[in-house]
Protein backbone atom coordinates (compact mmCIF):
# COMPACT_ATOMS: atom_id res chain seq x y z
CA UNK A 1 -7.11 -6.45 -9.83
CA UNK A 2 -6.16 -7.52 -6.24
CA UNK A 3 -7.39 -5.84 -3.28
CA UNK A 4 -6.98 -7.03 0.57
CA UNK A 5 -10.53 -6.47 1.88
CA UNK A 6 -14.30 -6.93 0.63
CA UNK A 7 -14.94 -3.33 1.24
CA UNK A 8 -12.26 -2.22 -1.09
CA UNK A 9 -13.63 -4.40 -3.77
CA UNK A 10 -16.84 -2.98 -3.48
CA UNK A 11 -15.52 0.44 -3.65
CA UNK A 12 -13.88 -0.68 -7.04
CA UNK A 13 -17.21 -2.26 -8.37
CA UNK A 14 -19.29 1.10 -7.23
CA UNK A 15 -16.50 3.27 -9.16
CA UNK A 16 -17.16 1.42 -12.46
CA UNK A 17 -14.57 -1.25 -12.41
CA UNK A 18 -15.87 -4.62 -14.26
CA UNK A 19 -12.26 -6.34 -14.28
CA UNK A 20 -11.95 -9.23 -11.87
CA UNK A 21 -11.29 -8.60 -8.54
CA UNK A 22 -9.28 -10.83 -6.14
CA UNK A 23 -9.69 -10.75 -2.32
CA UNK A 24 -6.31 -11.34 -1.05
CA UNK A 25 -7.52 -11.41 2.87
CA UNK A 26 -9.58 -13.89 4.60
CA UNK A 27 -13.19 -14.06 4.12
CA UNK A 28 -15.37 -16.48 6.34
CA UNK A 29 -19.03 -15.37 7.35
CA UNK A 30 -22.25 -15.63 5.50
CA UNK A 31 -22.47 -11.68 5.19
CA UNK A 32 -19.06 -11.62 3.88
CA UNK A 33 -20.08 -14.27 1.14
CA UNK A 34 -23.33 -12.79 0.39
CA UNK A 35 -21.10 -9.47 -0.53
CA UNK A 36 -18.84 -11.68 -2.53
CA UNK A 37 -21.70 -12.77 -4.70
CA UNK A 38 -23.38 -9.61 -5.08
CA UNK A 39 -20.32 -7.67 -6.44
CA UNK A 40 -18.78 -10.38 -8.34
CA UNK A 41 -15.83 -10.59 -5.98
CA UNK A 42 -13.25 -13.61 -6.06
CA UNK A 43 -12.02 -14.77 -2.35
CA UNK A 44 -8.80 -16.32 -1.46
CA UNK A 45 -9.28 -19.72 0.06
CA UNK A 46 -6.89 -21.19 2.23
CA UNK A 47 -7.89 -24.30 4.18
CA UNK A 48 -10.46 -26.95 3.50
CA UNK A 49 -13.02 -25.83 6.28
CA UNK A 50 -13.13 -22.54 4.42
CA UNK A 51 -13.85 -24.30 0.93
CA UNK A 52 -16.53 -26.61 2.34
CA UNK A 53 -18.61 -23.43 4.10
CA UNK A 54 -17.91 -21.43 0.76
CA UNK A 55 -19.31 -24.15 -1.39
CA UNK A 56 -22.39 -25.09 1.04
CA UNK A 57 -23.41 -21.56 0.82
CA UNK A 58 -22.77 -20.71 -2.91
CA UNK A 59 -25.00 -24.13 -3.55
CA UNK A 60 -27.76 -22.53 -1.26
CA UNK A 61 -27.70 -19.55 -3.26
CA UNK A 62 -27.40 -21.51 -6.52
CA UNK A 63 -24.55 -19.50 -7.62
CA UNK A 64 -21.05 -20.14 -8.50
CA UNK A 65 -17.67 -17.93 -7.65
CA UNK A 66 -14.05 -17.67 -8.77
CA UNK A 67 -11.63 -18.36 -6.22
CA UNK A 68 -8.02 -18.01 -5.31
CA UNK A 69 -6.20 -20.88 -3.91
CA UNK A 70 -3.63 -19.99 -1.28
CA UNK A 71 -0.74 -22.32 -0.59
CA UNK A 72 1.72 -21.38 2.54
CA UNK A 73 4.95 -22.14 1.05
CA UNK A 74 6.98 -20.44 3.94
CA UNK A 75 4.94 -16.97 4.74
CA UNK A 76 3.20 -18.80 7.91
CA UNK A 77 0.13 -16.62 6.98
CA UNK A 78 -2.87 -17.36 5.00
CA UNK A 79 -2.98 -20.80 2.98
CA UNK A 80 -2.77 -24.31 3.33
CA UNK A 81 0.99 -25.97 4.46
CA UNK A 82 2.42 -26.62 1.13
CA UNK A 83 2.84 -30.46 2.08
CA UNK A 84 -1.06 -30.63 1.77
CA UNK A 85 -1.16 -28.22 -1.24
CA UNK A 86 -1.86 -30.90 -3.89
CA UNK A 87 -4.69 -32.49 -2.30
CA UNK A 88 -6.20 -29.25 -1.42
CA UNK A 89 -5.99 -27.62 -4.63
CA UNK A 90 -7.15 -30.56 -6.10
CA UNK A 91 -10.22 -30.43 -3.86
CA UNK A 92 -10.68 -26.68 -4.90
CA UNK A 93 -10.49 -27.83 -8.73
CA UNK A 94 -13.30 -30.20 -8.38
CA UNK A 95 -15.66 -28.49 -6.20
CA UNK A 96 -18.73 -27.79 -8.40
CA UNK A 97 -19.84 -24.55 -6.64
CA UNK A 98 -16.52 -22.72 -7.63
CA UNK A 99 -13.88 -22.00 -10.42
CA UNK A 100 -10.48 -21.63 -9.44
CA UNK A 101 -9.13 -18.45 -10.95
CA UNK A 102 -5.70 -18.77 -9.70
CA UNK A 103 -3.27 -20.58 -7.31
CA UNK A 104 -0.82 -18.74 -5.53
CA UNK A 105 1.67 -18.48 -3.00
CA UNK A 106 3.52 -15.33 -1.12
CA UNK A 107 7.27 -14.74 -0.52
CA UNK A 108 8.47 -13.69 2.81
CA UNK A 109 11.96 -12.64 1.92
CA UNK A 110 12.13 -12.00 -1.60
CA UNK A 111 13.52 -8.61 -0.35
CA UNK A 112 16.49 -10.12 1.42
CA UNK A 113 20.12 -10.13 -0.17
CA UNK A 114 20.22 -13.96 0.35
CA UNK A 115 17.76 -15.19 -1.90
CA UNK A 116 17.89 -18.95 -0.27
CA UNK A 117 14.53 -18.88 1.67
CA UNK A 118 13.24 -17.05 -1.48
CA UNK A 119 14.41 -20.02 -3.73
CA UNK A 120 13.10 -22.65 -1.25
CA UNK A 121 9.53 -21.28 -1.22
CA UNK A 122 9.68 -21.08 -5.27
CA UNK A 123 10.96 -24.57 -5.19
CA UNK A 124 7.80 -25.76 -2.99
CA UNK A 125 5.60 -23.83 -4.98
CA UNK A 126 6.91 -25.55 -8.10
CA UNK A 127 6.53 -28.93 -6.47
CA UNK A 128 3.08 -28.41 -5.96
CA UNK A 129 2.05 -27.25 -9.11
CA UNK A 130 3.88 -30.23 -10.94
CA UNK A 131 2.06 -32.46 -8.80
CA UNK A 132 -1.34 -31.28 -9.94
CA UNK A 133 -0.04 -31.65 -13.25
CA UNK A 134 1.03 -35.21 -12.83
CA UNK A 135 -2.30 -35.89 -11.23
CA UNK A 136 -3.97 -34.81 -14.57
CA UNK A 137 -4.92 -31.49 -13.44
CA UNK A 138 -5.06 -28.63 -15.63
CA UNK A 139 -3.44 -25.58 -13.96
CA UNK A 140 -4.98 -22.33 -13.81
CA UNK A 141 -2.86 -19.19 -13.90
CA UNK A 142 -0.35 -19.44 -11.05
CA UNK A 143 1.74 -16.27 -9.16
CA UNK A 144 4.04 -15.87 -6.55
CA UNK A 145 5.81 -12.63 -6.90
CA UNK A 146 5.51 -9.50 -5.15
CA UNK A 147 7.48 -6.28 -5.95
CA UNK A 148 10.70 -7.49 -4.78
CA UNK A 149 10.20 -10.79 -6.60
CA UNK A 150 9.21 -8.68 -9.76
CA UNK A 151 12.50 -7.04 -9.64
CA UNK A 152 14.48 -10.34 -8.69
CA UNK A 153 13.71 -11.60 -12.34
CA UNK A 154 11.37 -13.69 -14.82
CA UNK A 155 11.84 -17.14 -13.22
CA UNK A 156 9.83 -15.79 -10.38
CA UNK A 157 7.09 -14.37 -12.54
CA UNK A 158 4.93 -16.94 -13.90
CA UNK A 159 1.49 -16.09 -15.11
CA UNK A 160 0.90 -12.87 -13.08
CA UNK A 161 2.69 -10.65 -10.75
CA UNK A 162 1.28 -8.60 -7.80
CA UNK A 163 3.28 -5.49 -7.36
CA UNK A 164 2.34 -3.41 -4.47
CA UNK A 165 5.32 -0.66 -3.14
CA UNK A 166 6.62 -0.90 -6.80
CA UNK A 167 3.15 0.76 -8.19
CA UNK A 168 3.83 4.11 -6.07
CA UNK A 169 7.39 3.84 -7.68
CA UNK A 170 9.36 2.90 -4.79
CA UNK A 171 12.03 0.06 -3.77
CA UNK A 172 11.69 -2.94 -1.40
CA UNK A 173 15.29 -2.93 -0.49
CA UNK A 174 18.54 -0.88 -1.40
CA UNK A 175 20.25 -3.61 -3.38
CA UNK A 176 17.41 -3.82 -5.89
CA UNK A 177 17.87 -0.32 -7.05
CA UNK A 178 19.56 -1.50 -9.94
CA UNK A 179 16.82 -3.77 -11.22
CA UNK A 180 14.74 -1.18 -12.68
CA UNK A 181 14.39 2.74 -12.81
CA UNK A 182 11.32 3.48 -10.64
CA UNK A 183 10.04 6.94 -10.08
CA UNK A 184 7.91 7.97 -6.71
CA UNK A 185 4.28 8.38 -8.39
CA UNK A 186 2.76 9.59 -4.82
CA UNK A 187 2.86 13.11 -3.11
CA UNK A 188 0.70 14.19 -0.03
CA UNK A 189 -0.28 18.03 -0.01
CA UNK A 190 -1.68 20.48 2.03
CA UNK A 191 -1.80 24.38 2.33
CA UNK A 192 -0.72 26.95 4.98
CA UNK A 193 -3.36 28.36 6.97
CA UNK A 194 -1.65 31.06 8.82
CA UNK A 195 1.70 32.61 9.07
CA UNK A 196 3.37 34.89 11.87
CA UNK A 197 6.48 36.34 13.18
CA UNK A 198 7.81 34.91 16.30
CA UNK A 199 10.73 36.28 18.67
CA UNK A 200 13.82 34.15 19.58
CA UNK A 201 13.38 31.69 22.48
CA UNK A 202 9.70 31.02 21.68
CA UNK A 203 8.44 27.42 22.38
CA UNK A 204 6.69 25.80 19.43
CA UNK A 205 3.56 23.27 19.95
CA UNK A 206 3.00 20.97 22.70
CA UNK A 207 5.77 20.37 25.22
CA UNK A 208 7.92 23.15 23.87
CA UNK A 209 10.24 20.50 22.45
CA UNK A 210 11.55 23.12 19.87
CA UNK A 211 12.49 26.59 20.63
CA UNK A 212 13.20 29.47 17.79
CA UNK A 213 17.00 30.62 18.12
CA UNK A 214 16.03 33.73 16.38
CA UNK A 215 13.28 35.95 15.24
CA UNK A 216 11.44 33.15 12.72
CA UNK A 217 8.46 33.28 10.27
CA UNK A 218 6.34 30.06 11.41
CA UNK A 219 3.94 28.95 9.01
CA UNK A 220 0.49 26.36 10.20
CA UNK A 221 0.15 23.36 7.48
CA UNK A 222 -3.47 22.03 7.83
CA UNK A 223 -2.41 18.23 8.23
CA UNK A 224 -1.38 16.28 11.18
CA UNK A 225 -0.93 12.80 12.72
CA UNK A 226 -4.71 12.06 12.19
CA UNK A 227 -3.88 12.39 8.55
CA UNK A 228 -0.99 9.81 8.49
CA UNK A 229 1.69 12.40 9.35
CA UNK A 230 3.59 10.51 12.12
CA UNK A 231 3.76 12.20 15.34
CA UNK A 232 7.26 10.39 15.83
CA UNK A 233 8.93 12.44 12.79
CA UNK A 234 8.42 15.78 14.93
CA UNK A 235 11.28 18.54 14.08
CA UNK A 236 13.08 15.63 11.90
CA UNK A 237 11.37 16.06 8.42
CA UNK A 238 11.50 19.01 5.62
CA UNK A 239 8.45 20.38 3.62
CA UNK A 240 8.51 22.29 0.38
CA UNK A 241 6.77 25.42 -0.33
CA UNK A 242 7.17 27.24 -3.65
CA UNK A 243 10.12 24.92 -4.31
CA UNK A 244 11.97 25.64 -1.37
CA UNK A 245 12.82 23.39 1.67
CA UNK A 246 11.28 24.38 4.86
CA UNK A 247 12.07 22.44 8.18
CA UNK A 248 9.10 20.99 10.15
CA UNK A 249 9.12 22.44 13.98
CA UNK A 250 7.64 21.69 17.15
CA UNK A 251 5.60 18.72 17.87
CA UNK A 252 3.31 17.53 14.87
CA UNK A 253 -0.07 17.97 16.24
CA UNK A 254 -3.68 15.68 15.63
CA UNK A 255 -4.52 18.18 12.49
CA UNK A 256 -1.93 20.61 11.73
CA UNK A 257 1.89 21.11 12.18
CA UNK A 258 4.32 23.90 11.86
CA UNK A 259 7.00 24.62 9.32
CA UNK A 260 9.95 27.30 9.33
CA UNK A 261 9.38 29.54 6.12
CA UNK A 262 11.87 32.15 7.17
CA UNK A 263 13.88 31.43 4.12
CA UNK A 264 10.85 31.28 1.91
CA UNK A 265 9.68 35.09 2.43
CA UNK A 266 7.36 34.96 -0.39
CA UNK A 267 5.32 32.40 1.30
CA UNK A 268 1.73 33.33 2.02
CA UNK A 269 -1.60 31.64 3.29
CA UNK A 270 -2.87 29.32 1.09
CA UNK A 271 0.20 28.38 -0.73
CA UNK A 272 0.41 24.57 -1.23
CA UNK A 273 3.10 22.38 0.86
CA UNK A 274 4.26 19.29 -0.29
CA UNK A 275 4.27 17.23 2.87
CA UNK A 276 5.47 14.02 1.34
CA UNK A 277 7.08 14.02 -2.03
CA UNK A 278 10.50 13.89 -3.94
CA UNK A 279 12.54 16.91 -1.97
CA UNK A 280 15.46 16.26 0.03
CA UNK A 281 14.06 14.63 3.37
CA UNK A 282 10.49 14.57 2.31
CA UNK A 283 10.38 10.96 0.58
CA UNK A 284 8.56 7.94 2.23
CA UNK A 285 11.96 6.20 2.71
CA UNK A 286 13.19 9.11 4.13
CA UNK A 287 10.58 9.02 6.52
CA UNK A 288 10.73 4.97 7.09
CA UNK A 289 14.37 5.42 7.97
CA UNK A 290 13.90 7.94 10.77
CA UNK A 291 11.00 6.03 12.13
CA UNK A 292 13.00 2.80 11.98
CA UNK A 293 10.08 0.97 9.83
CA UNK A 294 9.35 0.27 5.94
CA UNK A 295 7.90 2.72 3.39
CA UNK A 296 5.01 0.38 3.25
CA UNK A 297 3.87 1.67 6.53
CA UNK A 298 4.28 4.98 5.57
CA UNK A 299 2.17 5.03 2.47
CA UNK A 300 -0.53 2.87 4.46
CA UNK A 301 -0.83 5.45 6.97
CA UNK A 302 -2.15 8.34 4.94
CA UNK A 303 -6.11 7.87 6.41
CA UNK A 304 -9.39 8.12 4.22
CA UNK A 305 -10.04 11.49 5.31
CA UNK A 306 -7.23 12.86 2.88
CA UNK A 307 -8.90 12.60 -0.74
CA UNK A 308 -7.17 10.97 -3.42
CA UNK A 309 -6.74 13.02 -6.34
CA UNK A 310 -5.14 11.94 -9.68
CA UNK A 311 -2.47 14.64 -10.99
CA UNK A 312 -2.57 14.68 -14.68
CA UNK A 313 0.45 14.18 -16.62
CA UNK A 314 -0.30 17.40 -18.62
CA UNK A 315 -2.28 20.35 -18.50
CA UNK A 316 -2.75 21.69 -14.99
CA UNK A 317 -0.04 19.89 -13.44
CA UNK A 318 0.73 21.85 -10.57
CA UNK A 319 -0.69 20.91 -7.20
CA UNK A 320 -1.66 24.48 -6.82
CA UNK A 321 -3.93 24.32 -9.63
CA UNK A 322 -5.96 21.49 -8.28
CA UNK A 323 -5.87 21.14 -4.53
CA UNK A 324 -8.71 23.31 -3.27
CA UNK A 325 -8.04 26.39 -0.99
CA UNK A 326 -8.19 24.68 2.57
CA UNK A 327 -7.79 21.03 1.53
CA UNK A 328 -5.17 18.40 1.94
CA UNK A 329 -4.90 15.23 -0.34
CA UNK A 330 -2.79 12.24 -1.86
CA UNK A 331 -1.93 12.66 -5.56
């Protein structure tokens, strides 16, 4: 499995996950290395000083650790520059304090219709791998492909792949939609906490950036920007109640927002509201387009105070059945 940080890896271990766990972010300090050892986590190593420090501490601890060697083929992020990749990877392979679990790089432009840069990165990665083999080194598993590269084709798959956005059933770029059928797998739900009828001309929420044009039924929903619903989407999105659409109105506040349920007359306090889902105007891609950002940022924005819940494929299959009264959550 792959995670970004040590605390994420620790969470998986504490949840009973026993599979190997790669930490794809940087780790450097003694405290971090102690945690790696304690929870059997495998760090990314991207430069010589990092390898030497890790080896020194592991030797003192009389412990051996799996590592993942990062080669920078054009991302400009973690990893040794590809021209030094063979020598650095060989040092890692020959270091007695570690076992190289994989060698990898990361593609910067795999979601671009122009694949020139992507293929250049692949060529650089291939050259590092071939050079290692020519020098007599046995290659561990190698990997390069993020979601976009997974969709581009098997020539980028190597031994492992690293789908991120694709796990959520979303596409990294419109031109990749015809490569594979994906189904959005994540929803964000909350509940109505109050409904009231307000007259025409009434301002709603901070700054009164929305006024009712007639008598309307306004529902308060118990979720806001502190949970991950961006304030910049105020008055631009729709939510779903009892299978019908309800526009969000007024400025989204820290812990609450308002929707117009006039066209959902049967709506009542306690009803589940699908905040983010597959309804028109309510998907991560819709939100990202309105904000001028990417779907990744939308999905990562939902804060940890929202419980993560697994919606079963069968049986109790409606949020109404599993979202506790007064709660909101990600499924």
